[in-house]
Every structure is written in C-alpha cells, then in structure tokens.
C-alpha cells in the first residue's frame, strides 16, 4: 500500500487483507454472501473502510456481513479509542469470546476470519521504508 506512517497501521494492512480476501473468493468460487460473517484482525475503523472500498473496486460488496475485530472490542465514543483496537490479540479475543459462542449456538454457520499484521521494525520506519502487510484467512464452517 506504500504506507510509511507507523501510526496508520490499518491502512498499511488493508491491502494484504484485500488480497487474501479476493484470492479466497476466486480460489473457492464463493462470494461475500456465502458467509454469515467476515472478520479481519485489527484494521480499525480506517483500515476497515479502506478494505470495504478495495473489495468494492474488485466487484465484491462486503458491507452487509463484514466487520473488524479491532472495532468490535472497544466503544469508540465512550473509550476514546480513535480508530479502534489494535494488535494481534483482537482477532483471537473476538473469536474465542464472541464468534465461537455464536457458532456453538448455531447463530453462525460459516465465518471467514482474516488475521492481519505488519512486517516492520522501528528501524525500517525511521528509514522511511513502507510497511508491508500480511494477512492469513481461515474459513470456519459448522456441520449442518
């Protein structure tokens, strides 16, 4: 994505999430409506909006069933979190504390989880290098 600002991690990782998401759809022949929920790791509000726009530009409307775990954990207005939560624990927390329960209760049958991350260190950003993003997806489906 060419993002060099370490304070804008959602934007830095959104491109990797989009690449993984679109690759998944193309590889499986599925579309967004196949899933009850599509969740990313920790893009926050800014990265979430970017991913929605990137997916839309490729012909995939994810607005109705997509959310980001970093935005689900915190209340932006009450907790002054600005862009939302961040860190690798967001997707694990939301999955184990919320999504897993919905799967067990059969409220969700199919969930696509996309963990996002950045491959950087303090030196690379100080040198003005862009921040490469990475994303891995797992499709979780409950038996009928």
N, C-alpha and C. Protein backbone atom coordinates (compact mmCIF):
# COMPACT_ATOMS: atom_id res chain seq x y z
N UNK A 1 0.82 -1.20 0.00
CA UNK A 1 0.00 0.00 0.00
C UNK A 1 0.86 1.26 0.00
N UNK A 2 2.14 1.14 0.28
CA UNK A 2 3.03 2.29 0.28
C UNK A 2 2.94 3.15 1.53
N UNK A 3 2.28 2.67 2.57
CA UNK A 3 2.12 3.44 3.81
C UNK A 3 3.44 3.41 4.58
N UNK A 4 3.90 4.57 5.01
CA UNK A 4 5.16 4.68 5.75
C UNK A 4 4.95 5.13 7.19
N UNK A 5 3.73 5.51 7.53
CA UNK A 5 3.40 6.03 8.85
C UNK A 5 3.00 4.89 9.78
N UNK A 6 3.82 4.63 10.79
CA UNK A 6 3.54 3.55 11.74
C UNK A 6 2.31 3.82 12.60
N UNK A 7 1.78 5.03 12.53
CA UNK A 7 0.54 5.35 13.24
C UNK A 7 -0.70 5.09 12.40
N UNK A 8 -0.50 4.55 11.20
CA UNK A 8 -1.60 4.28 10.29
C UNK A 8 -1.57 2.81 9.87
N UNK A 9 -1.56 1.94 10.86
CA UNK A 9 -1.40 0.51 10.59
C UNK A 9 -2.59 -0.10 9.86
N UNK A 10 -3.79 0.37 10.12
CA UNK A 10 -4.96 -0.15 9.41
C UNK A 10 -4.82 0.03 7.91
N UNK A 11 -4.37 1.20 7.49
CA UNK A 11 -4.16 1.46 6.07
C UNK A 11 -3.02 0.60 5.53
N UNK A 12 -1.99 0.40 6.32
CA UNK A 12 -0.85 -0.40 5.88
C UNK A 12 -1.24 -1.86 5.66
N UNK A 13 -2.16 -2.38 6.46
CA UNK A 13 -2.53 -3.80 6.39
C UNK A 13 -3.76 -4.07 5.51
N UNK A 14 -4.52 -3.04 5.17
CA UNK A 14 -5.76 -3.24 4.41
C UNK A 14 -5.53 -3.90 3.06
N UNK A 15 -4.45 -3.55 2.40
CA UNK A 15 -4.15 -4.14 1.09
C UNK A 15 -3.90 -5.64 1.17
N UNK A 16 -3.22 -6.07 2.21
CA UNK A 16 -2.97 -7.50 2.39
C UNK A 16 -4.28 -8.23 2.69
N UNK A 17 -5.14 -7.61 3.50
CA UNK A 17 -6.44 -8.21 3.80
C UNK A 17 -7.26 -8.33 2.52
N UNK A 18 -7.23 -7.31 1.70
CA UNK A 18 -7.97 -7.33 0.43
C UNK A 18 -7.43 -8.41 -0.49
N UNK A 19 -6.12 -8.53 -0.60
CA UNK A 19 -5.52 -9.54 -1.47
C UNK A 19 -5.92 -10.95 -1.01
N UNK A 20 -5.85 -11.20 0.28
CA UNK A 20 -6.22 -12.51 0.82
C UNK A 20 -7.71 -12.78 0.62
N UNK A 21 -8.55 -11.79 0.88
CA UNK A 21 -9.99 -11.93 0.74
C UNK A 21 -10.38 -12.24 -0.72
N UNK A 22 -9.89 -11.45 -1.64
CA UNK A 22 -10.25 -11.63 -3.05
C UNK A 22 -9.66 -12.94 -3.57
N UNK A 23 -8.46 -13.28 -3.17
CA UNK A 23 -7.87 -14.56 -3.58
C UNK A 23 -8.72 -15.72 -3.08
N UNK A 24 -9.20 -15.62 -1.85
CA UNK A 24 -10.07 -16.66 -1.29
C UNK A 24 -11.34 -16.81 -2.12
N UNK A 25 -11.98 -15.71 -2.44
CA UNK A 25 -13.20 -15.77 -3.25
C UNK A 25 -12.93 -16.39 -4.61
N UNK A 26 -11.85 -15.98 -5.25
CA UNK A 26 -11.53 -16.52 -6.57
C UNK A 26 -11.16 -18.00 -6.50
N UNK A 27 -10.38 -18.39 -5.49
CA UNK A 27 -9.95 -19.79 -5.35
C UNK A 27 -11.13 -20.72 -5.06
N UNK A 28 -12.08 -20.25 -4.27
CA UNK A 28 -13.18 -21.12 -3.84
C UNK A 28 -14.46 -20.95 -4.66
N UNK A 29 -14.53 -19.89 -5.43
CA UNK A 29 -15.76 -19.60 -6.17
C UNK A 29 -16.87 -19.05 -5.29
N UNK A 30 -16.53 -18.70 -4.07
CA UNK A 30 -17.51 -18.14 -3.13
C UNK A 30 -17.60 -16.62 -3.30
N UNK A 31 -18.62 -16.05 -2.69
CA UNK A 31 -18.76 -14.61 -2.66
C UNK A 31 -19.06 -14.19 -1.22
N UNK A 32 -19.10 -12.90 -0.94
CA UNK A 32 -19.30 -12.47 0.45
C UNK A 32 -20.56 -13.02 1.11
N UNK A 33 -21.63 -13.19 0.37
CA UNK A 33 -22.88 -13.65 0.97
C UNK A 33 -22.83 -15.11 1.42
N UNK A 34 -21.80 -15.83 1.01
CA UNK A 34 -21.63 -17.23 1.46
C UNK A 34 -21.46 -17.29 2.98
N UNK A 35 -20.86 -16.25 3.55
CA UNK A 35 -20.51 -16.24 4.98
C UNK A 35 -21.53 -15.46 5.81
N UNK A 36 -21.75 -15.95 7.02
CA UNK A 36 -22.55 -15.19 7.98
C UNK A 36 -21.77 -13.98 8.47
N UNK A 37 -20.45 -14.13 8.56
CA UNK A 37 -19.60 -13.03 8.99
C UNK A 37 -18.23 -13.16 8.35
N UNK A 38 -17.68 -12.02 7.97
CA UNK A 38 -16.29 -11.90 7.52
C UNK A 38 -15.63 -10.93 8.48
N UNK A 39 -14.57 -11.38 9.14
CA UNK A 39 -13.93 -10.56 10.17
C UNK A 39 -12.43 -10.44 9.91
N UNK A 40 -11.92 -9.23 10.02
CA UNK A 40 -10.48 -9.02 9.93
C UNK A 40 -9.92 -8.80 11.33
N UNK A 41 -8.59 -8.91 11.41
CA UNK A 41 -7.90 -8.85 12.69
C UNK A 41 -7.94 -7.51 13.38
N UNK A 42 -7.25 -6.55 12.88
CA UNK A 42 -7.18 -5.30 13.62
C UNK A 42 -6.91 -4.12 12.69
N UNK A 43 -7.78 -3.96 11.71
CA UNK A 43 -7.62 -2.83 10.79
C UNK A 43 -8.13 -1.52 11.38
N UNK A 44 -8.98 -1.61 12.38
CA UNK A 44 -9.58 -0.41 12.96
C UNK A 44 -10.56 0.22 11.99
N UNK A 45 -11.12 1.35 12.36
CA UNK A 45 -12.14 2.00 11.52
C UNK A 45 -11.58 2.46 10.19
N UNK A 46 -10.37 2.99 10.18
CA UNK A 46 -9.79 3.50 8.94
C UNK A 46 -9.48 2.35 7.98
N UNK A 47 -8.80 1.34 8.47
CA UNK A 47 -8.48 0.20 7.62
C UNK A 47 -9.72 -0.55 7.17
N UNK A 48 -10.73 -0.62 8.05
CA UNK A 48 -11.99 -1.27 7.70
C UNK A 48 -12.64 -0.57 6.50
N UNK A 49 -12.71 0.74 6.55
CA UNK A 49 -13.29 1.49 5.43
C UNK A 49 -12.47 1.32 4.16
N UNK A 50 -11.15 1.28 4.30
CA UNK A 50 -10.30 1.07 3.13
C UNK A 50 -10.55 -0.30 2.52
N UNK A 51 -10.66 -1.33 3.36
CA UNK A 51 -10.91 -2.68 2.85
C UNK A 51 -12.26 -2.75 2.13
N UNK A 52 -13.27 -2.13 2.69
CA UNK A 52 -14.59 -2.11 2.03
C UNK A 52 -14.47 -1.49 0.64
N UNK A 53 -13.74 -0.38 0.55
CA UNK A 53 -13.56 0.30 -0.74
C UNK A 53 -12.73 -0.55 -1.71
N UNK A 54 -11.66 -1.17 -1.21
CA UNK A 54 -10.82 -2.00 -2.08
C UNK A 54 -11.59 -3.21 -2.62
N UNK A 55 -12.36 -3.86 -1.75
CA UNK A 55 -13.16 -5.02 -2.18
C UNK A 55 -14.20 -4.58 -3.20
N UNK A 56 -14.82 -3.44 -2.96
CA UNK A 56 -15.84 -2.92 -3.88
C UNK A 56 -15.23 -2.64 -5.25
N UNK A 57 -14.00 -2.11 -5.26
CA UNK A 57 -13.34 -1.81 -6.54
C UNK A 57 -13.05 -3.08 -7.34
N UNK A 58 -13.05 -4.23 -6.68
CA UNK A 58 -12.85 -5.52 -7.35
C UNK A 58 -14.17 -6.24 -7.60
N UNK A 59 -15.29 -5.57 -7.29
CA UNK A 59 -16.61 -6.14 -7.56
C UNK A 59 -17.21 -6.95 -6.43
N UNK A 60 -16.68 -6.82 -5.22
CA UNK A 60 -17.20 -7.56 -4.07
C UNK A 60 -17.74 -6.59 -3.02
N UNK A 61 -19.03 -6.69 -2.75
CA UNK A 61 -19.66 -5.86 -1.74
C UNK A 61 -19.67 -6.64 -0.42
N UNK A 62 -18.87 -6.21 0.54
CA UNK A 62 -18.76 -6.91 1.82
C UNK A 62 -19.45 -6.16 2.97
N UNK A 63 -20.10 -5.05 2.66
CA UNK A 63 -20.66 -4.20 3.72
C UNK A 63 -21.64 -4.90 4.65
N UNK A 64 -22.45 -5.80 4.14
CA UNK A 64 -23.53 -6.36 4.96
C UNK A 64 -23.08 -7.36 6.01
N UNK A 65 -21.94 -8.02 5.80
CA UNK A 65 -21.53 -9.05 6.77
C UNK A 65 -20.06 -8.95 7.18
N UNK A 66 -19.44 -7.82 6.92
CA UNK A 66 -18.03 -7.62 7.28
C UNK A 66 -17.90 -6.71 8.48
N UNK A 67 -16.94 -7.05 9.35
CA UNK A 67 -16.58 -6.17 10.45
C UNK A 67 -15.12 -6.42 10.79
N UNK A 68 -14.58 -5.55 11.59
CA UNK A 68 -13.19 -5.68 12.03
C UNK A 68 -13.16 -5.88 13.54
N UNK A 69 -12.37 -6.85 13.98
CA UNK A 69 -12.31 -7.17 15.41
C UNK A 69 -11.81 -6.01 16.26
N UNK A 70 -10.93 -5.19 15.70
CA UNK A 70 -10.45 -4.02 16.43
C UNK A 70 -11.54 -3.00 16.70
N UNK A 71 -12.56 -2.98 15.84
CA UNK A 71 -13.68 -2.06 16.07
C UNK A 71 -14.75 -2.68 16.95
N UNK A 72 -14.76 -4.00 17.04
CA UNK A 72 -15.77 -4.68 17.86
C UNK A 72 -15.43 -4.69 19.35
N UNK A 73 -14.17 -4.68 19.67
CA UNK A 73 -13.74 -4.81 21.07
C UNK A 73 -14.06 -3.58 21.90
N UNK A 74 -13.87 -2.41 21.31
CA UNK A 74 -14.00 -1.17 22.07
C UNK A 74 -15.17 -0.33 21.60
N UNK A 75 -15.66 0.53 22.46
CA UNK A 75 -16.67 1.52 22.13
C UNK A 75 -15.93 2.82 21.83
N UNK A 76 -15.87 3.17 20.57
CA UNK A 76 -15.08 4.32 20.12
C UNK A 76 -15.47 5.62 20.84
N UNK A 77 -16.75 5.83 21.00
CA UNK A 77 -17.22 7.08 21.62
C UNK A 77 -16.94 7.12 23.12
N UNK A 78 -17.19 6.01 23.81
CA UNK A 78 -17.05 6.01 25.26
C UNK A 78 -15.62 5.81 25.73
N UNK A 79 -14.79 5.12 24.94
CA UNK A 79 -13.45 4.79 25.39
C UNK A 79 -12.34 5.58 24.69
N UNK A 80 -12.69 6.49 23.81
CA UNK A 80 -11.72 7.35 23.13
C UNK A 80 -10.60 6.53 22.47
N UNK A 81 -11.01 5.53 21.71
CA UNK A 81 -10.01 4.67 21.06
C UNK A 81 -9.63 5.14 19.66
N UNK A 82 -10.20 6.22 19.21
CA UNK A 82 -9.92 6.79 17.89
C UNK A 82 -10.24 5.79 16.78
N UNK A 83 -9.26 5.09 16.26
CA UNK A 83 -9.51 4.19 15.13
C UNK A 83 -9.97 2.80 15.55
N UNK A 84 -9.95 2.48 16.82
CA UNK A 84 -10.35 1.15 17.28
C UNK A 84 -9.19 0.44 17.95
N UNK A 85 -9.38 -0.81 18.25
CA UNK A 85 -8.33 -1.59 18.90
C UNK A 85 -7.25 -1.99 17.92
N UNK A 86 -6.16 -2.44 18.44
CA UNK A 86 -5.10 -2.90 17.56
C UNK A 86 -4.34 -4.03 18.25
N UNK A 87 -3.60 -4.73 17.46
CA UNK A 87 -2.76 -5.79 18.00
C UNK A 87 -3.26 -7.16 17.60
N UNK A 88 -2.34 -8.11 17.68
CA UNK A 88 -2.66 -9.46 17.22
C UNK A 88 -3.71 -10.14 18.09
N UNK A 89 -3.97 -9.63 19.27
CA UNK A 89 -4.95 -10.25 20.14
C UNK A 89 -6.40 -9.96 19.77
N UNK A 90 -6.64 -8.99 18.90
CA UNK A 90 -8.02 -8.62 18.56
C UNK A 90 -8.80 -9.78 17.96
N UNK A 91 -8.26 -10.42 16.95
CA UNK A 91 -9.00 -11.48 16.28
C UNK A 91 -9.17 -12.69 17.19
N UNK A 92 -8.15 -12.99 17.99
CA UNK A 92 -8.24 -14.12 18.91
C UNK A 92 -9.28 -13.86 20.00
N UNK A 93 -9.31 -12.65 20.51
CA UNK A 93 -10.27 -12.29 21.55
C UNK A 93 -11.70 -12.35 21.04
N UNK A 94 -11.94 -11.76 19.88
CA UNK A 94 -13.29 -11.75 19.33
C UNK A 94 -13.72 -13.17 18.96
N UNK A 95 -12.81 -13.95 18.38
CA UNK A 95 -13.20 -15.32 18.02
C UNK A 95 -13.52 -16.14 19.26
N UNK A 96 -12.61 -16.16 20.22
CA UNK A 96 -12.80 -17.06 21.36
C UNK A 96 -13.87 -16.57 22.33
N UNK A 97 -14.12 -15.28 22.36
CA UNK A 97 -15.09 -14.76 23.31
C UNK A 97 -16.46 -14.48 22.73
N UNK A 98 -16.58 -14.39 21.41
CA UNK A 98 -17.84 -13.98 20.82
C UNK A 98 -18.26 -14.89 19.67
N UNK A 99 -17.41 -15.02 18.68
CA UNK A 99 -17.75 -15.79 17.48
C UNK A 99 -17.94 -17.27 17.80
N UNK A 100 -17.05 -17.83 18.60
CA UNK A 100 -17.15 -19.25 18.95
C UNK A 100 -18.50 -19.56 19.60
N UNK A 101 -18.95 -18.67 20.47
CA UNK A 101 -20.26 -18.85 21.12
C UNK A 101 -21.38 -18.85 20.08
N UNK A 102 -21.33 -17.94 19.12
CA UNK A 102 -22.35 -17.88 18.09
C UNK A 102 -22.32 -19.11 17.19
N UNK A 103 -21.14 -19.67 16.95
CA UNK A 103 -21.03 -20.90 16.18
C UNK A 103 -21.64 -22.07 16.95
N UNK A 104 -21.33 -22.16 18.24
CA UNK A 104 -21.88 -23.24 19.07
C UNK A 104 -23.40 -23.16 19.19
N UNK A 105 -23.93 -21.95 19.20
CA UNK A 105 -25.37 -21.74 19.30
C UNK A 105 -26.07 -21.83 17.94
N UNK A 106 -25.31 -22.14 16.90
CA UNK A 106 -25.81 -22.22 15.52
C UNK A 106 -26.39 -20.91 15.01
N UNK A 107 -25.97 -19.80 15.58
CA UNK A 107 -26.38 -18.50 15.06
C UNK A 107 -25.50 -18.12 13.87
N UNK A 108 -24.28 -18.61 13.87
CA UNK A 108 -23.37 -18.52 12.72
C UNK A 108 -23.08 -19.94 12.27
N UNK A 109 -23.07 -20.15 10.96
CA UNK A 109 -22.70 -21.45 10.40
C UNK A 109 -21.39 -21.37 9.62
N UNK A 110 -21.11 -20.18 9.05
CA UNK A 110 -19.93 -20.00 8.21
C UNK A 110 -19.29 -18.65 8.51
N UNK A 111 -18.03 -18.68 8.90
CA UNK A 111 -17.31 -17.46 9.24
C UNK A 111 -15.96 -17.47 8.53
N UNK A 112 -15.59 -16.34 7.96
CA UNK A 112 -14.26 -16.18 7.38
C UNK A 112 -13.49 -15.21 8.27
N UNK A 113 -12.40 -15.70 8.86
CA UNK A 113 -11.56 -14.88 9.74
C UNK A 113 -10.26 -14.56 9.00
N UNK A 114 -9.90 -13.29 8.95
CA UNK A 114 -8.68 -12.86 8.27
C UNK A 114 -7.80 -12.10 9.28
N UNK A 115 -6.76 -12.78 9.73
CA UNK A 115 -5.82 -12.15 10.66
C UNK A 115 -4.86 -11.26 9.87
N UNK A 116 -4.67 -10.06 10.34
CA UNK A 116 -3.81 -9.11 9.64
C UNK A 116 -2.58 -8.76 10.49
N UNK A 117 -1.54 -8.36 9.82
CA UNK A 117 -0.32 -7.98 10.52
C UNK A 117 0.57 -7.12 9.65
N UNK A 118 1.60 -6.60 10.26
CA UNK A 118 2.57 -5.76 9.55
C UNK A 118 3.97 -6.33 9.78
N UNK A 119 4.77 -6.27 8.75
CA UNK A 119 6.14 -6.79 8.80
C UNK A 119 7.10 -5.61 8.82
N UNK A 120 7.38 -5.16 10.02
CA UNK A 120 8.22 -3.97 10.15
C UNK A 120 8.97 -3.99 11.48
N UNK A 121 9.88 -3.07 11.60
CA UNK A 121 10.54 -2.83 12.88
C UNK A 121 10.77 -1.34 13.01
N UNK A 122 11.25 -0.91 14.15
CA UNK A 122 11.40 0.53 14.38
C UNK A 122 12.43 1.16 13.44
N UNK A 123 13.41 0.41 13.04
CA UNK A 123 14.43 0.95 12.15
C UNK A 123 13.89 1.17 10.74
N UNK A 124 13.08 0.25 10.24
CA UNK A 124 12.57 0.39 8.87
C UNK A 124 11.69 1.63 8.72
N UNK A 125 10.87 1.93 9.72
CA UNK A 125 10.03 3.12 9.60
C UNK A 125 10.86 4.39 9.77
N UNK A 126 11.89 4.36 10.60
CA UNK A 126 12.76 5.52 10.75
C UNK A 126 13.53 5.81 9.47
N UNK A 127 13.75 4.78 8.67
CA UNK A 127 14.46 4.94 7.40
C UNK A 127 13.51 5.30 6.26
N UNK A 128 12.23 5.47 6.58
CA UNK A 128 11.27 5.87 5.57
C UNK A 128 10.77 4.74 4.68
N UNK A 129 10.99 3.51 5.11
CA UNK A 129 10.52 2.36 4.33
C UNK A 129 9.01 2.21 4.47
N UNK A 130 8.37 1.70 3.44
CA UNK A 130 6.93 1.43 3.55
C UNK A 130 6.72 0.19 4.41
N UNK A 131 5.52 0.07 4.93
CA UNK A 131 5.19 -1.02 5.85
C UNK A 131 4.47 -2.13 5.10
N UNK A 132 5.10 -3.28 4.90
CA UNK A 132 4.41 -4.38 4.23
C UNK A 132 3.39 -5.02 5.17
N UNK A 133 2.24 -5.34 4.62
CA UNK A 133 1.21 -6.01 5.39
C UNK A 133 1.14 -7.48 5.04
N UNK A 134 0.53 -8.25 5.92
CA UNK A 134 0.34 -9.68 5.69
C UNK A 134 -1.04 -10.05 6.24
N UNK A 135 -1.65 -11.05 5.62
CA UNK A 135 -2.97 -11.49 6.09
C UNK A 135 -3.13 -12.98 5.79
N UNK A 136 -3.72 -13.67 6.73
CA UNK A 136 -4.00 -15.11 6.60
C UNK A 136 -5.48 -15.31 6.87
N UNK A 137 -6.11 -16.20 6.10
CA UNK A 137 -7.54 -16.44 6.29
C UNK A 137 -7.81 -17.86 6.71
N UNK A 138 -8.87 -18.01 7.48
CA UNK A 138 -9.37 -19.34 7.83
C UNK A 138 -10.89 -19.29 7.71
N UNK A 139 -11.41 -20.29 7.03
CA UNK A 139 -12.86 -20.43 6.88
C UNK A 139 -13.33 -21.47 7.88
N UNK A 140 -14.26 -21.06 8.72
CA UNK A 140 -14.79 -21.96 9.76
C UNK A 140 -16.25 -22.26 9.42
N UNK A 141 -16.56 -23.54 9.28
CA UNK A 141 -17.92 -23.93 8.93
C UNK A 141 -18.41 -25.01 9.87
N UNK A 142 -19.61 -24.82 10.36
CA UNK A 142 -20.23 -25.79 11.26
C UNK A 142 -21.02 -26.81 10.43
N UNK A 143 -21.03 -28.06 10.86
CA UNK A 143 -21.81 -29.06 10.12
C UNK A 143 -23.31 -28.77 10.25
N UNK A 144 -24.03 -29.19 9.25
CA UNK A 144 -25.49 -28.95 9.27
C UNK A 144 -26.18 -29.80 10.28
